[in-house]
Amino acid sequence: MNTLTEKQEQSKPFTYWLKLTFVRLGVLPFLLVLAIAIFAVLSDNFLTGRNMMNVLRQSSFLMLVAMGQMFTLLTGGFDLSVGTIVAITSVVAATVMAGIYSIYPESVMLAISIGILAGMAAGIAVGFINGLGVSVFNVNPFMMTLGMSSVGFGIALYMTGGTPVYGLPVEFSDTFGFGQLFGIPSPILVCFMTVVVLTLLANWTKTGRYFYAVGGNIKAAQLSGINTQKMLLLVYVISGAAAAVCGILLTARLDTGEANIGSSFPLESIAACVIAGVSLRGGVGRIENVVLGALFIGLITNGMNLARIESYLQTVVIGLLLITAVIADQIRLKVMANLQD
């Protein structure tokens, strides 16, 4: 019987295996191979070790935001305020850090520590308010996060007057912006640690399984005894925390607090998730795929820069990739249904 089954499997045409690969892996691996091939031809510097490390460093910021975004998508929502969270984290952290450092210039570590904690608290607070609106007051995630995006951006601009916040300790930038350990830049190391923590949360804890259950069928999750309000609140807090970490790292990289950074993160983080196979309907998605999705967007951006494609056209490409990924996801579902038949 087993021999007969093996023969039947082997006799299936190549198109069947291609469809099966597409269903299991999604469109991302195909896009990655295509992008690498195209940009390797367009630029001799694309596949160099130095450039690949540069791509990883640049992509680490989007990876952080996209991982947080994935959790909101898992529960059937999304977070349009991630860019604002990055900005307000940057402004608050820089303002507090510069203020303490100017008063106590000898207490460098104290200024850095309190500044980071203040920035993280500000970002998490925005995530908490988002979660409160969605879970307790049943506000649509689109309207809630869009409204908070406007509020947070206004606060950041009010705090800075639209000008960068200077006066940060040099050690902050040297450690978190340009520091290295064993030749690996600090942003990559922080991103890797975040990947490990969030992967463990999503795949190895009850809370992680509850996120998938809520996104799969919220009514069934409620009947199963899952506190859906708590889960919905928690995913927006996670999204806020991940975006806040990105804000801290970007502040260190720029060596200033900026109210205008992060505007591209809402679109790019959703694009990274969708390209990675995260369902907009909720209940489907994996951290490792989202990391690859963010890396893919980083590769595309880097490749277009090396090919000297204008920045305005680059935003067009990202938008087209998002549309392509959504269409590919719909095609994948149809192919999956056909294979099951």
Protein backbone atom coordinates (compact mmCIF):
# COMPACT_ATOMS: atom_id res chain seq x y z
CA MET A 1 0.00 0.00 0.00
CA ASN A 2 2.82 2.39 0.91
CA THR A 3 4.63 1.52 -2.33
CA LEU A 4 1.48 2.31 -4.31
CA THR A 5 1.12 5.68 -2.56
CA GLU A 6 4.77 6.53 -3.26
CA LYS A 7 4.34 5.69 -6.94
CA GLN A 8 1.24 7.88 -7.13
CA GLU A 9 3.15 10.77 -5.56
CA GLN A 10 6.08 10.33 -7.94
CA SER A 11 3.81 10.22 -10.98
CA LYS A 12 2.33 13.64 -10.31
CA PRO A 13 3.42 16.33 -12.78
CA PHE A 14 5.99 19.06 -12.06
CA THR A 15 3.24 21.70 -12.01
CA TYR A 16 1.66 19.93 -9.01
CA TRP A 17 4.90 20.19 -7.02
CA LEU A 18 5.33 23.80 -8.08
CA LYS A 19 1.81 24.60 -6.85
CA LEU A 20 2.44 22.71 -3.61
CA THR A 21 5.66 24.68 -3.04
CA PHE A 22 3.79 27.93 -3.71
CA VAL A 23 1.03 26.99 -1.23
CA ARG A 24 3.49 26.03 1.52
CA LEU A 25 6.05 28.81 1.11
CA GLY A 26 3.98 31.62 -0.41
CA VAL A 27 5.24 34.16 -2.92
CA LEU A 28 8.15 35.48 -0.83
CA PRO A 29 10.88 32.94 -1.79
CA PHE A 30 10.15 33.48 -5.49
CA LEU A 31 10.32 37.26 -5.07
CA LEU A 32 13.57 37.02 -3.09
CA VAL A 33 15.29 34.94 -5.76
CA LEU A 34 14.02 37.24 -8.50
CA ALA A 35 15.13 40.41 -6.67
CA ILE A 36 18.61 39.05 -5.92
CA ALA A 37 19.07 37.96 -9.55
CA ILE A 38 17.96 41.33 -10.97
CA PHE A 39 20.00 43.56 -8.66
CA ALA A 40 23.08 41.34 -8.92
CA VAL A 41 23.02 42.02 -12.66
CA LEU A 42 22.34 45.76 -12.24
CA SER A 43 25.13 46.36 -9.70
CA ASP A 44 28.43 44.59 -9.02
CA ASN A 45 28.38 45.85 -5.43
CA PHE A 46 25.02 44.30 -4.54
CA LEU A 47 26.16 40.83 -3.44
CA THR A 48 29.29 41.96 -1.58
CA GLY A 49 29.62 41.04 2.09
CA ARG A 50 29.81 44.67 3.13
CA ASN A 51 26.60 45.55 1.30
CA MET A 52 24.73 42.51 2.68
CA MET A 53 25.68 43.57 6.22
CA ASN A 54 24.48 47.06 5.37
CA VAL A 55 21.17 45.63 4.12
CA LEU A 56 20.74 43.66 7.35
CA ARG A 57 21.41 46.76 9.45
CA GLN A 58 19.01 48.91 7.44
CA SER A 59 16.35 46.18 7.44
CA SER A 60 16.56 45.61 11.21
CA PHE A 61 14.51 48.76 11.90
CA LEU A 62 11.67 47.60 9.65
CA MET A 63 11.93 44.06 11.03
CA LEU A 64 11.22 45.35 14.54
CA VAL A 65 8.15 47.31 13.46
CA ALA A 66 6.89 44.54 11.17
CA MET A 67 7.11 41.92 13.92
CA GLY A 68 4.92 44.06 16.17
CA GLN A 69 2.57 44.70 13.25
CA MET A 70 2.24 40.95 12.71
CA PHE A 71 0.66 40.45 16.12
CA THR A 72 -2.06 42.99 15.40
CA LEU A 73 -2.70 41.37 12.01
CA LEU A 74 -2.94 37.96 13.69
CA THR A 75 -5.99 39.14 15.59
CA GLY A 76 -7.64 40.63 12.52
CA GLY A 77 -6.56 44.25 13.08
CA PHE A 78 -3.60 46.41 12.13
CA ASP A 79 -1.66 49.34 13.52
CA LEU A 80 -1.37 52.55 11.46
CA SER A 81 0.27 54.40 14.36
CA VAL A 82 3.61 52.53 14.31
CA GLY A 83 5.34 55.41 12.51
CA THR A 84 4.08 57.88 15.09
CA ILE A 85 5.21 55.57 17.91
CA VAL A 86 8.71 55.55 16.43
CA ALA A 87 8.66 59.38 16.26
CA ILE A 88 7.25 60.05 19.73
CA THR A 89 9.64 57.49 21.25
CA SER A 90 12.52 59.30 19.59
CA VAL A 91 11.39 62.72 20.77
CA VAL A 92 10.63 61.70 24.37
CA ALA A 93 13.81 59.64 24.76
CA ALA A 94 16.00 62.39 23.31
CA THR A 95 14.34 65.18 25.31
CA VAL A 96 14.65 63.35 28.63
CA MET A 97 18.15 62.09 27.89
CA ALA A 98 19.45 65.50 26.78
CA GLY A 99 17.80 67.22 29.76
CA ILE A 100 19.35 64.91 32.36
CA TYR A 101 22.72 64.94 30.60
CA SER A 102 22.82 68.74 30.59
CA ILE A 103 22.16 68.85 34.35
CA TYR A 104 24.35 65.88 35.30
CA PRO A 105 27.02 65.61 32.56
CA GLU A 106 29.03 63.16 34.63
CA SER A 107 26.09 60.71 34.93
CA VAL A 108 26.13 59.48 31.35
CA MET A 109 24.68 56.00 32.01
CA LEU A 110 21.93 57.46 34.18
CA ALA A 111 20.89 59.87 31.42
CA ILE A 112 20.93 57.12 28.78
CA SER A 113 19.01 54.63 30.94
CA ILE A 114 16.27 57.05 32.00
CA GLY A 115 15.99 58.42 28.46
CA ILE A 116 15.53 54.94 27.00
CA LEU A 117 12.98 54.01 29.68
CA ALA A 118 11.03 57.24 29.07
CA GLY A 119 10.99 56.66 25.31
CA MET A 120 9.90 53.04 25.69
CA ALA A 121 7.16 54.08 28.14
CA ALA A 122 5.85 56.67 25.68
CA GLY A 123 5.71 54.15 22.82
CA ILE A 124 4.08 51.46 24.93
CA ALA A 125 1.56 54.01 26.23
CA VAL A 126 0.40 54.75 22.66
CA GLY A 127 0.09 51.00 22.05
CA PHE A 128 -1.88 50.59 25.28
CA ILE A 129 -4.31 53.36 24.29
CA ASN A 130 -4.75 51.73 20.87
CA GLY A 131 -5.46 48.39 22.52
CA LEU A 132 -7.85 49.96 25.01
CA GLY A 133 -9.87 51.57 22.22
CA VAL A 134 -10.01 48.40 20.13
CA SER A 135 -10.61 45.85 22.90
CA VAL A 136 -12.74 47.72 25.45
CA PHE A 137 -14.56 50.36 23.40
CA ASN A 138 -14.77 48.27 20.20
CA VAL A 139 -13.38 51.06 18.03
CA ASN A 140 -12.42 49.90 14.54
CA PRO A 141 -8.62 49.33 14.44
CA PHE A 142 -8.33 51.49 11.32
CA MET A 143 -9.99 54.50 12.97
CA MET A 144 -8.37 53.98 16.37
CA THR A 145 -4.79 53.69 15.15
CA LEU A 146 -5.25 56.37 12.49
CA GLY A 147 -6.56 58.77 15.14
CA MET A 148 -3.70 57.96 17.52
CA SER A 149 -1.27 58.44 14.66
CA SER A 150 -2.48 62.02 14.26
CA VAL A 151 -2.52 62.66 18.02
CA GLY A 152 0.97 61.26 18.58
CA PHE A 153 2.43 63.11 15.62
CA GLY A 154 0.93 66.37 16.90
CA ILE A 155 2.40 65.80 20.37
CA ALA A 156 5.84 65.05 18.91
CA LEU A 157 5.76 68.24 16.83
CA TYR A 158 4.51 70.28 19.78
CA MET A 159 7.33 68.99 22.00
CA THR A 160 10.04 69.84 19.48
CA GLY A 161 8.55 72.74 17.54
CA GLY A 162 9.45 70.78 14.43
CA THR A 163 13.19 70.97 15.12
CA PRO A 164 15.51 68.05 16.03
CA VAL A 165 16.46 67.45 19.67
CA TYR A 166 20.24 67.68 20.13
CA GLY A 167 22.57 67.30 23.10
CA LEU A 168 22.55 63.52 23.50
CA PRO A 169 25.53 61.75 25.11
CA VAL A 170 28.06 60.54 22.55
CA GLU A 171 28.10 57.16 24.29
CA PHE A 172 24.43 56.60 23.41
CA SER A 173 25.07 56.88 19.67
CA ASP A 174 28.37 55.00 19.88
CA THR A 175 26.72 52.07 21.66
CA PHE A 176 23.26 51.70 20.12
CA GLY A 177 23.69 53.47 16.80
CA PHE A 178 27.18 52.66 15.57
CA GLY A 179 28.40 50.08 18.09
CA GLN A 180 29.43 46.55 17.12
CA LEU A 181 29.96 43.22 18.83
CA PHE A 182 32.09 40.64 17.00
CA GLY A 183 31.72 42.80 13.90
CA ILE A 184 27.91 42.76 14.05
CA PRO A 185 26.20 46.20 14.33
CA SER A 186 24.13 46.89 17.45
CA PRO A 187 20.77 47.28 15.60
CA ILE A 188 21.15 43.77 14.17
CA LEU A 189 21.94 42.32 17.61
CA VAL A 190 18.95 44.04 19.24
CA CYS A 191 16.72 42.92 16.37
CA PHE A 192 17.95 39.32 16.71
CA MET A 193 17.18 39.28 20.44
CA THR A 194 13.70 40.66 19.72
CA VAL A 195 13.14 37.96 17.07
CA VAL A 196 14.02 35.26 19.62
CA VAL A 197 11.70 36.69 22.30
CA LEU A 198 8.72 37.21 19.96
CA THR A 199 9.20 33.82 18.28
CA LEU A 200 9.09 32.13 21.69
CA LEU A 201 5.99 34.16 22.57
CA ALA A 202 4.16 33.32 19.35
CA ASN A 203 5.11 29.65 19.01
CA TRP A 204 5.79 28.33 22.50
CA THR A 205 3.32 29.99 24.86
CA LYS A 206 -0.40 29.78 25.55
CA THR A 207 -0.70 33.50 24.89
CA GLY A 208 0.73 33.03 21.41
CA ARG A 209 -1.78 30.28 20.64
CA TYR A 210 -4.56 32.52 21.92
CA PHE A 211 -3.53 35.24 19.44
CA TYR A 212 -3.97 32.82 16.56
CA ALA A 213 -7.29 31.59 17.99
CA VAL A 214 -8.67 35.12 18.32
CA GLY A 215 -7.68 35.93 14.76
CA GLY A 216 -9.07 32.64 13.43
CA ASN A 217 -12.49 33.01 15.03
CA ILE A 218 -13.03 35.49 17.85
CA LYS A 219 -16.45 34.12 18.80
CA ALA A 220 -15.13 30.57 19.05
CA ALA A 221 -12.21 31.89 21.10
CA GLN A 222 -14.64 33.57 23.53
CA LEU A 223 -16.66 30.36 23.87
CA SER A 224 -13.40 28.50 24.59
CA GLY A 225 -12.82 30.72 27.62
CA ILE A 226 -10.14 32.95 26.11
CA ASN A 227 -10.12 36.52 27.40
CA THR A 228 -10.31 38.13 23.94
CA GLN A 229 -10.25 41.67 25.32
CA LYS A 230 -6.97 40.98 27.06
CA MET A 231 -5.48 39.42 23.92
CA LEU A 232 -6.52 42.35 21.73
CA LEU A 233 -5.08 44.82 24.24
CA LEU A 234 -1.84 42.87 24.48
CA VAL A 235 -1.13 42.74 20.73
CA TYR A 236 -1.24 46.53 20.46
CA VAL A 237 1.04 46.86 23.47
CA ILE A 238 3.48 44.46 21.77
CA SER A 239 3.25 46.48 18.55
CA GLY A 240 3.92 49.69 20.49
CA ALA A 241 6.88 48.15 22.32
CA ALA A 242 8.47 46.83 19.11
CA ALA A 243 8.06 50.20 17.37
CA ALA A 244 9.48 51.93 20.46
CA VAL A 245 12.63 49.77 20.31
CA CYS A 246 12.98 50.82 16.67
CA GLY A 247 12.57 54.46 17.73
CA ILE A 248 15.37 54.15 20.30
CA LEU A 249 17.75 52.60 17.76
CA LEU A 250 16.94 55.19 15.09
CA THR A 251 17.50 58.00 17.59
CA ALA A 252 20.91 56.56 18.40
CA ARG A 253 21.69 56.21 14.71
CA LEU A 254 20.68 59.80 13.91
CA ASP A 255 22.12 61.15 17.19
CA THR A 256 19.02 63.39 17.46
CA GLY A 257 15.37 63.13 18.44
CA GLU A 258 13.23 63.54 15.33
CA ALA A 259 9.46 64.12 15.09
CA ASN A 260 9.46 63.40 11.36
CA ILE A 261 10.93 59.91 11.26
CA GLY A 262 8.89 56.76 10.76
CA SER A 263 6.32 58.02 8.26
CA SER A 264 6.96 55.10 5.90
CA PHE A 265 6.71 52.38 8.55
CA PRO A 266 2.91 51.82 8.51
CA LEU A 267 2.85 50.93 4.80
CA GLU A 268 6.17 49.10 4.78
CA SER A 269 5.43 47.03 7.91
CA ILE A 270 2.07 45.90 6.54
CA ALA A 271 3.72 45.18 3.18
CA ALA A 272 6.44 43.10 4.87
CA CYS A 273 3.80 41.08 6.72
CA VAL A 274 1.55 40.51 3.71
CA ILE A 275 4.49 39.58 1.47
CA ALA A 276 5.48 37.11 4.20
CA GLY A 277 2.08 35.41 4.04
CA VAL A 278 0.42 37.01 7.07
CA SER A 279 -3.32 37.00 6.39
CA LEU A 280 -5.21 40.28 6.52
CA ARG A 281 -8.17 38.25 7.81
CA GLY A 282 -6.21 37.16 10.88
CA GLY A 283 -5.05 33.86 12.33
CA VAL A 284 -2.14 33.20 9.91
CA GLY A 285 1.47 34.36 10.13
CA ARG A 286 4.95 33.45 11.35
CA ILE A 287 7.67 35.67 12.82
CA GLU A 288 10.49 34.16 10.76
CA ASN A 289 8.59 34.80 7.52
CA VAL A 290 7.94 38.41 8.54
CA VAL A 291 11.66 38.89 9.17
CA LEU A 292 12.31 37.63 5.63
CA GLY A 293 9.57 39.93 4.32
CA ALA A 294 11.23 42.96 5.92
CA LEU A 295 14.61 41.79 4.63
CA PHE A 296 13.12 41.53 1.13
CA ILE A 297 11.92 45.15 1.26
CA GLY A 298 15.38 46.14 2.53
CA LEU A 299 16.98 44.30 -0.39
CA ILE A 300 14.64 46.01 -2.84
CA THR A 301 15.36 49.46 -1.39
CA ASN A 302 19.11 48.86 -1.30
CA GLY A 303 19.13 47.46 -4.83
CA MET A 304 17.18 50.43 -6.17
CA ASN A 305 19.58 52.81 -4.44
CA LEU A 306 22.56 51.08 -6.03
CA ALA A 307 20.77 51.13 -9.38
CA ARG A 308 20.18 54.89 -8.84
CA ILE A 309 16.41 54.68 -9.05
CA GLU A 310 14.75 57.86 -7.75
CA SER A 311 13.29 57.76 -4.24
CA TYR A 312 9.85 58.79 -5.50
CA LEU A 313 9.72 55.74 -7.75
CA GLN A 314 10.84 53.53 -4.86
CA THR A 315 7.62 54.28 -2.98
CA VAL A 316 5.71 53.28 -6.11
CA VAL A 317 7.54 49.95 -6.17
CA ILE A 318 6.75 49.27 -2.49
CA GLY A 319 3.07 49.99 -3.13
CA LEU A 320 3.03 47.69 -6.16
CA LEU A 321 4.71 44.95 -4.11
CA LEU A 322 1.97 45.23 -1.49
CA ILE A 323 -0.74 44.89 -4.14
CA THR A 324 1.12 41.97 -5.75
CA ALA A 325 1.44 40.22 -2.40
CA VAL A 326 -2.30 40.55 -1.67
CA ILE A 327 -3.17 39.21 -5.13
CA ALA A 328 -0.68 36.37 -4.69
CA ASP A 329 -2.26 35.51 -1.33
CA GLN A 330 -5.69 35.25 -2.98
CA ILE A 331 -4.24 33.05 -5.74
CA ARG A 332 -2.53 30.87 -3.11
CA LEU A 333 -5.85 30.27 -1.37
CA LYS A 334 -7.46 29.21 -4.64
CA VAL A 335 -4.55 26.91 -5.49
CA MET A 336 -4.77 25.42 -1.99
CA ALA A 337 -8.48 24.71 -2.49
CA ASN A 338 -7.77 23.08 -5.87
CA LEU A 339 -5.06 20.84 -4.42
CA GLN A 340 -7.37 19.72 -1.62
CA ASP A 341 -10.00 18.76 -4.20
